[in-house]
Amino acid sequence: MKFRAARHTNHLQPIIDFYCGILDLEILGEFHNHDGYDGIFIGIRGSDWHLEFTVSAAKPQHQPDEDDLLVFYAESQAEFEHLTERFRLHNIAEIEAKNPYWKYNGKTYTDPDGFRIVISKAHL
């Protein structure tokens, strides 16, 4: 089984810059004018998951809350430090996590749509 998380956005290029430029994910594919939608698939080549972001004439009406999270698990302390440093270099401030677990086990940020992502510390 494969997994895809899909979300409509008004900010496709900032989303690409965020997930690819900061998180080091890759553009795996894209589509244009598919029944009025353009979209992009972002992830890690060879993985069983990816993110899909779409745009169309219909504007999304998101209401993300503090517990809506995408969690990315660093595989090493070096990867965790690399990723969190990239956020710092791009002037994206860490925000306080609502869930105490993530306050101690990761760093939380918001993407261009206001959804939260967590970079989890490596648990070896």
PDB file of N, CA and C in Angstrom:
ATOM      1  N   MET A   1       0.837  -1.164   0.000  1.00  0.00           N
ATOM      2  CA  MET A   1       0.000   0.000   0.000  1.00  0.00           C
ATOM      3  C   MET A   1       0.892   1.240   0.000  1.00  0.00           C
ATOM      4  N   LYS A   2       0.468   2.217  -0.748  1.00  0.00           N
ATOM      5  CA  LYS A   2       1.160   3.500  -0.776  1.00  0.00           C
ATOM      6  C   LYS A   2       0.271   4.548  -0.120  1.00  0.00           C
ATOM      7  N   PHE A   3       0.877   5.642   0.324  1.00  0.00           N
ATOM      8  CA  PHE A   3       0.139   6.700   1.004  1.00  0.00           C
ATOM      9  C   PHE A   3       0.392   8.033   0.312  1.00  0.00           C
ATOM     10  N   ARG A   4      -0.683   8.781   0.099  1.00  0.00           N
ATOM     11  CA  ARG A   4      -0.580  10.135  -0.438  1.00  0.00           C
ATOM     12  C   ARG A   4      -1.432  11.046   0.441  1.00  0.00           C
ATOM     13  N   ALA A   5      -0.859  12.137   0.889  1.00  0.00           N
ATOM     14  CA  ALA A   5      -1.616  13.177   1.579  1.00  0.00           C
ATOM     15  C   ALA A   5      -1.783  14.306   0.573  1.00  0.00           C
ATOM     16  N   ALA A   6      -3.028  14.700   0.298  1.00  0.00           N
ATOM     17  CA  ALA A   6      -3.309  15.715  -0.710  1.00  0.00           C
ATOM     18  C   ALA A   6      -3.939  16.934  -0.054  1.00  0.00           C
ATOM     19  N   ARG A   7      -3.524  18.105  -0.525  1.00  0.00           N
ATOM     20  CA  ARG A   7      -4.073  19.344   0.007  1.00  0.00           C
ATOM     21  C   ARG A   7      -4.126  20.397  -1.084  1.00  0.00           C
ATOM     22  N   HIS A   8      -5.200  21.125  -1.118  1.00  0.00           N
ATOM     23  CA  HIS A   8      -5.384  22.238  -2.035  1.00  0.00           C
ATOM     24  C   HIS A   8      -4.707  23.473  -1.437  1.00  0.00           C
ATOM     25  N   THR A   9      -4.143  24.318  -2.269  1.00  0.00           N
ATOM     26  CA  THR A   9      -3.408  25.482  -1.779  1.00  0.00           C
ATOM     27  C   THR A   9      -3.612  26.675  -2.701  1.00  0.00           C
ATOM     28  N   ASN A  10      -3.381  27.854  -2.174  1.00  0.00           N
ATOM     29  CA  ASN A  10      -3.295  29.077  -2.978  1.00  0.00           C
ATOM     30  C   ASN A  10      -1.847  29.443  -3.251  1.00  0.00           C
ATOM     31  N   HIS A  11      -0.923  28.688  -2.683  1.00  0.00           N
ATOM     32  CA  HIS A  11       0.491  29.078  -2.654  1.00  0.00           C
ATOM     33  C   HIS A  11       1.405  27.979  -3.188  1.00  0.00           C
ATOM     34  N   LEU A  12       1.184  27.549  -4.425  1.00  0.00           N
ATOM     35  CA  LEU A  12       1.926  26.397  -4.924  1.00  0.00           C
ATOM     36  C   LEU A  12       3.441  26.627  -4.946  1.00  0.00           C
ATOM     37  N   GLN A  13       3.906  27.741  -5.476  1.00  0.00           N
ATOM     38  CA  GLN A  13       5.360  27.951  -5.528  1.00  0.00           C
ATOM     39  C   GLN A  13       5.972  28.085  -4.140  1.00  0.00           C
ATOM     40  N   PRO A  14       5.367  28.839  -3.211  1.00  0.00           N
ATOM     41  CA  PRO A  14       5.925  28.850  -1.856  1.00  0.00           C
ATOM     42  C   PRO A  14       5.915  27.468  -1.190  1.00  0.00           C
ATOM     43  N   ILE A  15       4.913  26.653  -1.494  1.00  0.00           N
ATOM     44  CA  ILE A  15       4.865  25.278  -0.968  1.00  0.00           C
ATOM     45  C   ILE A  15       6.032  24.470  -1.525  1.00  0.00           C
ATOM     46  N   ILE A  16       6.286  24.594  -2.832  1.00  0.00           N
ATOM     47  CA  ILE A  16       7.418  23.894  -3.451  1.00  0.00           C
ATOM     48  C   ILE A  16       8.728  24.360  -2.815  1.00  0.00           C
ATOM     49  N   ASP A  17       8.885  25.670  -2.665  1.00  0.00           N
ATOM     50  CA  ASP A  17      10.108  26.209  -2.064  1.00  0.00           C
ATOM     51  C   ASP A  17      10.295  25.689  -0.640  1.00  0.00           C
ATOM     52  N   PHE A  18       9.213  25.601   0.111  1.00  0.00           N
ATOM     53  CA  PHE A  18       9.268  25.152   1.492  1.00  0.00           C
ATOM     54  C   PHE A  18       9.638  23.671   1.579  1.00  0.00           C
ATOM     55  N   TYR A  19       8.855  22.818   0.924  1.00  0.00           N
ATOM     56  CA  TYR A  19       9.058  21.376   1.078  1.00  0.00           C
ATOM     57  C   TYR A  19      10.286  20.862   0.322  1.00  0.00           C
ATOM     58  N   CYS A  20      10.607  21.460  -0.810  1.00  0.00           N
ATOM     59  CA  CYS A  20      11.789  21.020  -1.563  1.00  0.00           C
ATOM     60  C   CYS A  20      13.027  21.821  -1.176  1.00  0.00           C
ATOM     61  N   GLY A  21      12.898  23.111  -1.077  1.00  0.00           N
ATOM     62  CA  GLY A  21      14.048  23.957  -0.816  1.00  0.00           C
ATOM     63  C   GLY A  21      14.547  23.905   0.613  1.00  0.00           C
ATOM     64  N   ILE A  22      13.654  23.681   1.561  1.00  0.00           N
ATOM     65  CA  ILE A  22      14.066  23.654   2.963  1.00  0.00           C
ATOM     66  C   ILE A  22      14.142  22.224   3.488  1.00  0.00           C
ATOM     67  N   LEU A  23      13.125  21.430   3.207  1.00  0.00           N
ATOM     68  CA  LEU A  23      13.085  20.062   3.737  1.00  0.00           C
ATOM     69  C   LEU A  23      13.828  19.046   2.879  1.00  0.00           C
ATOM     70  N   ASP A  24      14.377  19.470   1.758  1.00  0.00           N
ATOM     71  CA  ASP A  24      15.152  18.592   0.873  1.00  0.00           C
ATOM     72  C   ASP A  24      14.315  17.476   0.230  1.00  0.00           C
ATOM     73  N   LEU A  25      12.983  17.668   0.123  1.00  0.00           N
ATOM     74  CA  LEU A  25      12.171  16.691  -0.599  1.00  0.00           C
ATOM     75  C   LEU A  25      12.299  16.970  -2.090  1.00  0.00           C
ATOM     76  N   GLU A  26      11.813  16.041  -2.910  1.00  0.00           N
ATOM     77  CA  GLU A  26      11.954  16.157  -4.359  1.00  0.00           C
ATOM     78  C   GLU A  26      10.599  16.298  -5.031  1.00  0.00           C
ATOM     79  N   ILE A  27      10.581  16.953  -6.177  1.00  0.00           N
ATOM     80  CA  ILE A  27       9.395  16.936  -7.026  1.00  0.00           C
ATOM     81  C   ILE A  27       9.392  15.594  -7.750  1.00  0.00           C
ATOM     82  N   LEU A  28       8.367  14.801  -7.499  1.00  0.00           N
ATOM     83  CA  LEU A  28       8.277  13.467  -8.084  1.00  0.00           C
ATOM     84  C   LEU A  28       7.441  13.449  -9.359  1.00  0.00           C
ATOM     85  N   GLY A  29       6.628  14.456  -9.551  1.00  0.00           N
ATOM     86  CA  GLY A  29       5.772  14.534 -10.726  1.00  0.00           C
ATOM     87  C   GLY A  29       4.879  15.747 -10.619  1.00  0.00           C
ATOM     88  N   GLU A  30       4.217  16.038 -11.721  1.00  0.00           N
ATOM     89  CA  GLU A  30       3.302  17.173 -11.726  1.00  0.00           C
ATOM     90  C   GLU A  30       2.282  16.987 -12.823  1.00  0.00           C
ATOM     91  N   PHE A  31       1.204  17.748 -12.746  1.00  0.00           N
ATOM     92  CA  PHE A  31       0.184  17.714 -13.792  1.00  0.00           C
ATOM     93  C   PHE A  31      -0.370  19.119 -13.975  1.00  0.00           C
ATOM     94  N   HIS A  32      -0.880  19.365 -15.176  1.00  0.00           N
ATOM     95  CA  HIS A  32      -1.393  20.686 -15.527  1.00  0.00           C
ATOM     96  C   HIS A  32      -2.751  20.537 -16.192  1.00  0.00           C
ATOM     97  N   ASN A  33      -3.674  21.413 -15.799  1.00  0.00           N
ATOM     98  CA  ASN A  33      -5.010  21.490 -16.386  1.00  0.00           C
ATOM     99  C   ASN A  33      -5.704  20.135 -16.445  1.00  0.00           C
ATOM    100  N   HIS A  34      -5.658  19.425 -15.362  1.00  0.00           N
ATOM    101  CA  HIS A  34      -6.382  18.151 -15.258  1.00  0.00           C
ATOM    102  C   HIS A  34      -7.740  18.457 -14.644  1.00  0.00           C
ATOM    103  N   ASP A  35      -8.745  18.617 -15.506  1.00  0.00           N
ATOM    104  CA  ASP A  35     -10.086  18.997 -15.059  1.00  0.00           C
ATOM    105  C   ASP A  35     -10.058  20.271 -14.225  1.00  0.00           C
ATOM    106  N   GLY A  36      -9.222  21.232 -14.629  1.00  0.00           N
ATOM    107  CA  GLY A  36      -9.157  22.518 -13.956  1.00  0.00           C
ATOM    108  C   GLY A  36      -8.157  22.594 -12.815  1.00  0.00           C
ATOM    109  N   TYR A  37      -7.419  21.531 -12.591  1.00  0.00           N
ATOM    110  CA  TYR A  37      -6.439  21.497 -11.498  1.00  0.00           C
ATOM    111  C   TYR A  37      -5.027  21.382 -12.048  1.00  0.00           C
ATOM    112  N   ASP A  38      -4.112  22.074 -11.391  1.00  0.00           N
ATOM    113  CA  ASP A  38      -2.681  21.864 -11.563  1.00  0.00           C
ATOM    114  C   ASP A  38      -2.193  21.276 -10.244  1.00  0.00           C
ATOM    115  N   GLY A  39      -1.156  20.475 -10.319  1.00  0.00           N
ATOM    116  CA  GLY A  39      -0.674  19.901  -9.073  1.00  0.00           C
ATOM    117  C   GLY A  39       0.740  19.392  -9.163  1.00  0.00           C
ATOM    118  N   ILE A  40       1.235  19.061  -8.000  1.00  0.00           N
ATOM    119  CA  ILE A  40       2.610  18.584  -7.885  1.00  0.00           C
ATOM    120  C   ILE A  40       2.670  17.493  -6.826  1.00  0.00           C
ATOM    121  N   PHE A  41       3.548  16.524  -7.053  1.00  0.00           N
ATOM    122  CA  PHE A  41       3.802  15.458  -6.093  1.00  0.00           C
ATOM    123  C   PHE A  41       5.202  15.674  -5.525  1.00  0.00           C
ATOM    124  N   ILE A  42       5.301  15.665  -4.208  1.00  0.00           N
ATOM    125  CA  ILE A  42       6.563  15.937  -3.525  1.00  0.00           C
ATOM    126  C   ILE A  42       6.835  14.817  -2.534  1.00  0.00           C
ATOM    127  N   GLY A  43       8.072  14.349  -2.480  1.00  0.00           N
ATOM    128  CA  GLY A  43       8.422  13.310  -1.521  1.00  0.00           C
ATOM    129  C   GLY A  43       9.875  12.908  -1.657  1.00  0.00           C
ATOM    130  N   ILE A  44      10.120  11.656  -1.344  1.00  0.00           N
ATOM    131  CA  ILE A  44      11.445  11.060  -1.466  1.00  0.00           C
ATOM    132  C   ILE A  44      11.339   9.909  -2.453  1.00  0.00           C
ATOM    133  N   ARG A  45      12.075  10.009  -3.517  1.00  0.00           N
ATOM    134  CA  ARG A  45      12.028   8.982  -4.569  1.00  0.00           C
ATOM    135  C   ARG A  45      12.251   7.594  -3.964  1.00  0.00           C
ATOM    136  N   GLY A  46      11.385   6.640  -4.339  1.00  0.00           N
ATOM    137  CA  GLY A  46      11.497   5.274  -3.852  1.00  0.00           C
ATOM    138  C   GLY A  46      10.724   5.001  -2.574  1.00  0.00           C
ATOM    139  N   SER A  47      10.161   6.038  -1.959  1.00  0.00           N
ATOM    140  CA  SER A  47       9.376   5.846  -0.737  1.00  0.00           C
ATOM    141  C   SER A  47       7.943   5.458  -1.092  1.00  0.00           C
ATOM    142  N   ASP A  48       7.230   4.950  -0.108  1.00  0.00           N
ATOM    143  CA  ASP A  48       5.837   4.539  -0.313  1.00  0.00           C
ATOM    144  C   ASP A  48       4.850   5.639   0.056  1.00  0.00           C
ATOM    145  N   TRP A  49       5.292   6.875   0.078  1.00  0.00           N
ATOM    146  CA  TRP A  49       4.419   8.000   0.413  1.00  0.00           C
ATOM    147  C   TRP A  49       4.838   9.219  -0.398  1.00  0.00           C
ATOM    148  N   HIS A  50       3.921  10.153  -0.534  1.00  0.00           N
ATOM    149  CA  HIS A  50       4.255  11.471  -1.068  1.00  0.00           C
ATOM    150  C   HIS A  50       3.145  12.450  -0.723  1.00  0.00           C
ATOM    151  N   LEU A  51       3.453  13.715  -0.882  1.00  0.00           N
ATOM    152  CA  LEU A  51       2.503  14.795  -0.670  1.00  0.00           C
ATOM    153  C   LEU A  51       2.059  15.305  -2.030  1.00  0.00           C
ATOM    154  N   GLU A  52       0.782  15.617  -2.142  1.00  0.00           N
ATOM    155  CA  GLU A  52       0.249  16.220  -3.359  1.00  0.00           C
ATOM    156  C   GLU A  52      -0.336  17.573  -2.991  1.00  0.00           C
ATOM    157  N   PHE A  53       0.015  18.586  -3.764  1.00  0.00           N
ATOM    158  CA  PHE A  53      -0.554  19.912  -3.577  1.00  0.00           C
ATOM    159  C   PHE A  53      -1.179  20.333  -4.893  1.00  0.00           C
ATOM    160  N   THR A  54      -2.409  20.841  -4.833  1.00  0.00           N
ATOM    161  CA  THR A  54      -3.133  21.234  -6.031  1.00  0.00           C
ATOM    162  C   THR A  54      -3.565  22.691  -5.942  1.00  0.00           C
ATOM    163  N   VAL A  55      -3.765  23.300  -7.116  1.00  0.00           N
ATOM    164  CA  VAL A  55      -4.340  24.637  -7.232  1.00  0.00           C
ATOM    165  C   VAL A  55      -5.417  24.584  -8.304  1.00  0.00           C
ATOM    166  N   SER A  56      -6.426  25.434  -8.145  1.00  0.00           N
ATOM    167  CA  SER A  56      -7.485  25.571  -9.140  1.00  0.00           C
ATOM    168  C   SER A  56      -8.145  26.927  -8.939  1.00  0.00           C
ATOM    169  N   ALA A  57      -9.183  27.192  -9.717  1.00  0.00           N
ATOM    170  CA  ALA A  57      -9.905  28.453  -9.564  1.00  0.00           C
ATOM    171  C   ALA A  57     -10.620  28.507  -8.212  1.00  0.00           C
ATOM    172  N   ALA A  58     -10.981  27.366  -7.665  1.00  0.00           N
ATOM    173  CA  ALA A  58     -11.619  27.317  -6.345  1.00  0.00           C
ATOM    174  C   ALA A  58     -10.557  27.539  -5.270  1.00  0.00           C
ATOM    175  N   LYS A  59     -10.807  28.448  -4.383  1.00  0.00           N
ATOM    176  CA  LYS A  59      -9.843  28.756  -3.336  1.00  0.00           C
ATOM    177  C   LYS A  59     -10.113  27.897  -2.097  1.00  0.00           C
ATOM    178  N   PRO A  60      -9.058  27.327  -1.515  1.00  0.00           N
ATOM    179  CA  PRO A  60      -9.246  26.514  -0.313  1.00  0.00           C
ATOM    180  C   PRO A  60      -9.686  27.372   0.870  1.00  0.00           C
ATOM    181  N   GLN A  61     -10.390  26.741   1.778  1.00  0.00           N
ATOM    182  CA  GLN A  61     -10.822  27.417   2.999  1.00  0.00           C
ATOM    183  C   GLN A  61     -10.337  26.603   4.184  1.00  0.00           C
ATOM    184  N   HIS A  62      -9.027  26.560   4.362  1.00  0.00           N
ATOM    185  CA  HIS A  62      -8.415  25.770   5.423  1.00  0.00           C
ATOM    186  C   HIS A  62      -8.579  26.447   6.775  1.00  0.00           C
ATOM    187  N   GLN A  63      -8.678  25.618   7.771  1.00  0.00           N
ATOM    188  CA  GLN A  63      -8.669  26.092   9.144  1.00  0.00           C
ATOM    189  C   GLN A  63      -7.785  25.167   9.967  1.00  0.00           C
ATOM    190  N   PRO A  64      -6.467  25.196   9.694  1.00  0.00           N
ATOM    191  CA  PRO A  64      -5.582  24.302  10.444  1.00  0.00           C
ATOM    192  C   PRO A  64      -5.570  24.674  11.918  1.00  0.00           C
ATOM    193  N   ASP A  65      -5.455  23.656  12.766  1.00  0.00           N
ATOM    194  CA  ASP A  65      -5.307  23.955  14.182  1.00  0.00           C
ATOM    195  C   ASP A  65      -3.950  23.446  14.662  1.00  0.00           C
ATOM    196  N   GLU A  66      -3.669  23.639  15.936  1.00  0.00           N
ATOM    197  CA  GLU A  66      -2.340  23.352  16.469  1.00  0.00           C
ATOM    198  C   GLU A  66      -1.999  21.866  16.507  1.00  0.00           C
ATOM    199  N   ASP A  67      -2.995  21.009  16.350  1.00  0.00           N
ATOM    200  CA  ASP A  67      -2.747  19.571  16.362  1.00  0.00           C
ATOM    201  C   ASP A  67      -2.763  18.950  14.972  1.00  0.00           C
ATOM    202  N   ASP A  68      -2.938  19.746  13.917  1.00  0.00           N
ATOM    203  CA  ASP A  68      -2.803  19.252  12.545  1.00  0.00           C
ATOM    204  C   ASP A  68      -1.327  19.283  12.203  1.00  0.00           C
ATOM    205  N   LEU A  69      -0.709  18.104  12.123  1.00  0.00           N
ATOM    206  CA  LEU A  69       0.742  18.027  11.960  1.00  0.00           C
ATOM    207  C   LEU A  69       1.135  17.063  10.852  1.00  0.00           C
ATOM    208  N   LEU A  70       2.167  17.417  10.127  1.00  0.00           N
ATOM    209  CA  LEU A  70       2.933  16.462   9.350  1.00  0.00           C
ATOM    210  C   LEU A  70       4.232  16.293  10.124  1.00  0.00           C
ATOM    211  N   VAL A  71       4.596  15.058  10.432  1.00  0.00           N
ATOM    212  CA  VAL A  71       5.791  14.805  11.230  1.00  0.00           C
ATOM    213  C   VAL A  71       6.829  14.120  10.357  1.00  0.00           C
ATOM    214  N   PHE A  72       7.994  14.689  10.304  1.00  0.00           N
ATOM    215  CA  PHE A  72       9.117  14.140   9.556  1.00  0.00           C
ATOM    216  C   PHE A  72      10.149  13.668  10.574  1.00  0.00           C
ATOM    217  N   TYR A  73      10.453  12.378  10.554  1.00  0.00           N
ATOM    218  CA  TYR A  73      11.365  11.777  11.523  1.00  0.00           C
ATOM    219  C   TYR A  73      12.787  11.769  10.971  1.00  0.00           C
ATOM    220  N   ALA A  74      13.668  12.524  11.601  1.00  0.00           N
ATOM    221  CA  ALA A  74      15.075  12.511  11.218  1.00  0.00           C
ATOM    222  C   ALA A  74      15.645  11.128  11.520  1.00  0.00           C
ATOM    223  N   GLU A  75      16.499  10.651  10.639  1.00  0.00           N
ATOM    224  CA  GLU A  75      17.093   9.328  10.823  1.00  0.00           C
ATOM    225  C   GLU A  75      18.395   9.385  11.607  1.00  0.00           C
ATOM    226  N   SER A  76      18.881  10.581  11.864  1.00  0.00           N
ATOM    227  CA  SER A  76      20.108  10.731  12.656  1.00  0.00           C
ATOM    228  C   SER A  76      20.101  12.115  13.288  1.00  0.00           C
ATOM    229  N   GLN A  77      20.945  12.303  14.280  1.00  0.00           N
ATOM    230  CA  GLN A  77      21.084  13.624  14.895  1.00  0.00           C
ATOM    231  C   GLN A  77      21.622  14.617  13.873  1.00  0.00           C
ATOM    232  N   ALA A  78      22.515  14.162  13.013  1.00  0.00           N
ATOM    233  CA  ALA A  78      23.071  15.044  11.983  1.00  0.00           C
ATOM    234  C   ALA A  78      21.982  15.526  11.034  1.00  0.00           C
ATOM    235  N   GLU A  79      21.069  14.633  10.630  1.00  0.00           N
ATOM    236  CA  GLU A  79      19.975  15.034   9.740  1.00  0.00           C
ATOM    237  C   GLU A  79      19.051  16.018  10.449  1.00  0.00           C
ATOM    238  N   PHE A  80      18.739  15.760  11.723  1.00  0.00           N
ATOM    239  CA  PHE A  80      17.903  16.675  12.500  1.00  0.00           C
ATOM    240  C   PHE A  80      18.530  18.062  12.542  1.00  0.00           C
ATOM    241  N   GLU A  81      19.802  18.127  12.842  1.00  0.00           N
ATOM    242  CA  GLU A  81      20.506  19.409  12.914  1.00  0.00           C
ATOM    243  C   GLU A  81      20.568  20.092  11.551  1.00  0.00           C
ATOM    244  N   HIS A  82      20.787  19.317  10.491  1.00  0.00           N
ATOM    245  CA  HIS A  82      20.817  19.866   9.133  1.00  0.00           C
ATOM    246  C   HIS A  82      19.476  20.504   8.783  1.00  0.00           C
ATOM    247  N   LEU A  83      18.388  19.789   9.038  1.00  0.00           N
ATOM    248  CA  LEU A  83      17.066  20.301   8.675  1.00  0.00           C
ATOM    249  C   LEU A  83      16.693  21.530   9.501  1.00  0.00           C
ATOM    250  N   THR A  84      16.916  21.479  10.799  1.00  0.00           N
ATOM    251  CA  THR A  84      16.549  22.627  11.623  1.00  0.00           C
ATOM    252  C   THR A  84      17.427  23.842  11.306  1.00  0.00           C
ATOM    253  N   GLU A  85      18.653  23.610  10.911  1.00  0.00           N
ATOM    254  CA  GLU A  85      19.522  24.712  10.490  1.00  0.00           C
ATOM    255  C   GLU A  85      18.990  25.349   9.201  1.00  0.00           C
ATOM    256  N   ARG A  86      18.437  24.539   8.315  1.00  0.00           N
ATOM    257  CA  ARG A  86      17.879  25.079   7.069  1.00  0.00           C
ATOM    258  C   ARG A  86      16.706  26.029   7.361  1.00  0.00           C
ATOM    259  N   PHE A  87      15.889  25.683   8.351  1.00  0.00           N
ATOM    260  CA  PHE A  87      14.808  26.590   8.734  1.00  0.00           C
ATOM    261  C   PHE A  87      15.384  27.906   9.260  1.00  0.00           C
ATOM    262  N   ARG A  88      16.403  27.802  10.080  1.00  0.00           N
ATOM    263  CA  ARG A  88      17.027  29.008  10.619  1.00  0.00           C
ATOM    264  C   ARG A  88      17.591  29.876   9.495  1.00  0.00           C
ATOM    265  N   LEU A  89      18.285  29.249   8.549  1.00  0.00           N
ATOM    266  CA  LEU A  89      18.882  29.995   7.438  1.00  0.00           C
ATOM    267  C   LEU A  89      17.833  30.665   6.549  1.00  0.00           C
ATOM    268  N   HIS A  90      16.630  30.106   6.495  1.00  0.00           N
ATOM    269  CA  HIS A  90      15.542  30.680   5.697  1.00  0.00           C
ATOM    270  C   HIS A  90      14.629  31.576   6.539  1.00  0.00           C
ATOM    271  N   ASN A  91      15.092  31.909   7.747  1.00  0.00           N
ATOM    272  CA  ASN A  91      14.351  32.812   8.641  1.00  0.00           C
ATOM    273  C   ASN A  91      12.934  32.329   8.939  1.00  0.00           C
ATOM    274  N   ILE A  92      12.788  31.029   9.109  1.00  0.00           N
ATOM    275  CA  ILE A  92      11.507  30.465   9.516  1.00  0.00           C
ATOM    276  C   ILE A  92      11.637  30.080  10.982  1.00  0.00           C
ATOM    277  N   ALA A  93      10.897  30.787  11.793  1.00  0.00           N
ATOM    278  CA  ALA A  93      11.016  30.617  13.240  1.00  0.00           C
ATOM    279  C   ALA A  93      10.317  29.350  13.712  1.00  0.00           C
ATOM    280  N   GLU A  94      10.928  28.716  14.686  1.00  0.00           N
ATOM    281  CA  GLU A  94      10.283  27.595  15.365  1.00  0.00           C
ATOM    282  C   GLU A  94       9.109  28.157  16.162  1.00  0.00           C
ATOM    283  N   ILE A  95       8.015  27.409  16.210  1.00  0.00           N
ATOM    284  CA  ILE A  95       6.873  27.808  17.020  1.00  0.00           C
ATOM    285  C   ILE A  95       6.673  26.770  18.116  1.00  0.00           C
ATOM    286  N   GLU A  96       5.994  27.161  19.161  1.00  0.00           N
ATOM    287  CA  GLU A  96       5.779  26.243  20.278  1.00  0.00           C
ATOM    288  C   GLU A  96       4.712  25.220  19.908  1.00  0.00           C
ATOM    289  N   ALA A  97       5.025  23.970  20.141  1.00  0.00           N
ATOM    290  CA  ALA A  97       4.077  22.893  19.890  1.00  0.00           C
ATOM    291  C   ALA A  97       3.016  22.867  20.986  1.00  0.00           C
ATOM    292  N   LYS A  98       1.805  22.560  20.613  1.00  0.00           N
ATOM    293  CA  LYS A  98       0.734  22.424  21.605  1.00  0.00           C
ATOM    294  C   LYS A  98       0.924  21.146  22.416  1.00  0.00           C
ATOM    295  N   ASN A  99       1.244  20.065  21.724  1.00  0.00           N
ATOM    296  CA  ASN A  99       1.421  18.766  22.372  1.00  0.00           C
ATOM    297  C   ASN A  99       2.791  18.743  23.061  1.00  0.00           C
ATOM    298  N   PRO A 100       2.828  18.519  24.373  1.00  0.00           N
ATOM    299  CA  PRO A 100       4.111  18.523  25.096  1.00  0.00           C
ATOM    300  C   PRO A 100       5.134  17.537  24.531  1.00  0.00           C
ATOM    301  N   TYR A 101       4.678  16.424  23.947  1.00  0.00           N
ATOM    302  CA  TYR A 101       5.614  15.454  23.389  1.00  0.00           C
ATOM    303  C   TYR A 101       6.533  16.118  22.373  1.00  0.00           C
ATOM    304  N   TRP A 102       5.951  16.950  21.484  1.00  0.00           N
ATOM    305  CA  TRP A 102       6.747  17.569  20.419  1.00  0.00           C
ATOM    306  C   TRP A 102       7.599  18.711  20.941  1.00  0.00           C
ATOM    307  N   LYS A 103       7.275  19.261  22.092  1.00  0.00           N
ATOM    308  CA  LYS A 103       8.126  20.298  22.687  1.00  0.00           C
ATOM    309  C   LYS A 103       9.485  19.719  23.046  1.00  0.00           C
ATOM    310  N   TYR A 104       9.495  18.441  23.421  1.00  0.00           N
ATOM    311  CA  TYR A 104      10.734  17.799  23.882  1.00  0.00           C
ATOM    312  C   TYR A 104      11.385  16.902  22.833  1.00  0.00           C
ATOM    313  N   ASN A 105      10.626  16.513  21.837  1.00  0.00           N
ATOM    314  CA  ASN A 105      11.131  15.528  20.877  1.00  0.00           C
ATOM    315  C   ASN A 105      11.218  16.037  19.449  1.00  0.00           C
ATOM    316  N   GLY A 106      11.114  17.329  19.259  1.00  0.00           N
ATOM    317  CA  GLY A 106      11.220  17.855  17.918  1.00  0.00           C
ATOM    318  C   GLY A 106      11.150  19.365  17.891  1.00  0.00           C
ATOM    319  N   LYS A 107      11.067  19.893  16.690  1.00  0.00           N
ATOM    320  CA  LYS A 107      10.888  21.329  16.481  1.00  0.00           C
ATOM    321  C   LYS A 107       9.727  21.496  15.519  1.00  0.00           C
ATOM    322  N   THR A 108       8.881  22.482  15.808  1.00  0.00           N
ATOM    323  CA  THR A 108       7.658  22.699  15.045  1.00  0.00           C
ATOM    324  C   THR A 108       7.756  24.007  14.267  1.00  0.00           C
ATOM    325  N   TYR A 109       7.255  23.984  13.024  1.00  0.00           N
ATOM    326  CA  TYR A 109       7.260  25.140  12.135  1.00  0.00           C
ATOM    327  C   TYR A 109       5.911  25.181  11.413  1.00  0.00           C
ATOM    328  N   THR A 110       5.635  26.263  10.712  1.00  0.00           N
ATOM    329  CA  THR A 110       4.434  26.316   9.874  1.00  0.00           C
ATOM    330  C   THR A 110       4.839  26.444   8.414  1.00  0.00           C
ATOM    331  N   ASP A 111       4.060  25.792   7.549  1.00  0.00           N
ATOM    332  CA  ASP A 111       4.307  25.887   6.117  1.00  0.00           C
ATOM    333  C   ASP A 111       3.570  27.111   5.559  1.00  0.00           C
ATOM    334  N   PRO A 112       3.697  27.415   4.265  1.00  0.00           N
ATOM    335  CA  PRO A 112       3.083  28.620   3.709  1.00  0.00           C
ATOM    336  C   PRO A 112       1.559  28.678   3.820  1.00  0.00           C
ATOM    337  N   ASP A 113       0.905  27.551   4.053  1.00  0.00           N
ATOM    338  CA  ASP A 113      -0.547  27.541   4.243  1.00  0.00           C
ATOM    339  C   ASP A 113      -0.946  27.643   5.708  1.00  0.00           C
ATOM    340  N   GLY A 114       0.023  27.707   6.598  1.00  0.00           N
ATOM    341  CA  GLY A 114      -0.283  27.798   8.014  1.00  0.00           C
ATOM    342  C   GLY A 114      -0.414  26.463   8.722  1.00  0.00           C
ATOM    343  N   PHE A 115      -0.141  25.364   8.004  1.00  0.00           N
ATOM    344  CA  PHE A 115      -0.164  24.047   8.633  1.00  0.00           C
ATOM    345  C   PHE A 115       1.166  23.789   9.316  1.00  0.00           C
ATOM    346  N   ARG A 116       1.100  23.074  10.406  1.00  0.00           N
ATOM    347  CA  ARG A 116       2.304  22.793  11.184  1.00  0.00           C
ATOM    348  C   ARG A 116       3.005  21.540  10.702  1.00  0.00           C
ATOM    349  N   ILE A 117       4.317  21.595  10.761  1.00  0.00           N
ATOM    350  CA  ILE A 117       5.129  20.409  10.518  1.00  0.00           C
ATOM    351  C   ILE A 117       6.088  20.280  11.699  1.00  0.00           C
ATOM    352  N   VAL A 118       6.460  19.067  11.986  1.00  0.00           N
ATOM    353  CA  VAL A 118       7.408  18.773  13.064  1.00  0.00           C
ATOM    354  C   VAL A 118       8.599  18.048  12.467  1.00  0.00           C
ATOM    355  N   ILE A 119       9.787  18.488  12.854  1.00  0.00           N
ATOM    356  CA  ILE A 119      10.994  17.734  12.562  1.00  0.00           C
ATOM    357  C   ILE A 119      11.307  17.017  13.868  1.00  0.00           C
ATOM    358  N   SER A 120      11.146  15.697  13.864  1.00  0.00           N
ATOM    359  CA  SER A 120      11.353  14.910  15.077  1.00  0.00           C
ATOM    360  C   SER A 120      12.826  14.579  15.258  1.00  0.00           C
ATOM    361  N   LYS A 121      13.259  14.638  16.505  1.00  0.00           N
ATOM    362  CA  LYS A 121      14.625  14.244  16.811  1.00  0.00           C
ATOM    363  C   LYS A 121      14.812  12.757  16.504  1.00  0.00           C
ATOM    364  N   ALA A 122      16.004  12.410  16.143  1.00  0.00           N
ATOM    365  CA  ALA A 122      16.317  11.018  15.842  1.00  0.00           C
ATOM    366  C   ALA A 122      16.245  10.204  17.134  1.00  0.00           C
ATOM    367  N   HIS A 123      15.596   9.065  17.055  1.00  0.00           N
ATOM    368  CA  HIS A 123      15.513   8.134  18.191  1.00  0.00           C
ATOM    369  C   HIS A 123      16.227   6.856  17.783  1.00  0.00           C
ATOM    370  N   LEU A 124      17.453   6.758  18.183  1.00  0.00           N
ATOM    371  CA  LEU A 124      18.264   5.607  17.767  1.00  0.00           C
ATOM    372  C   LEU A 124      18.262   4.543  18.829  1.00  0.00           C
TER     373      LEU A 124
END
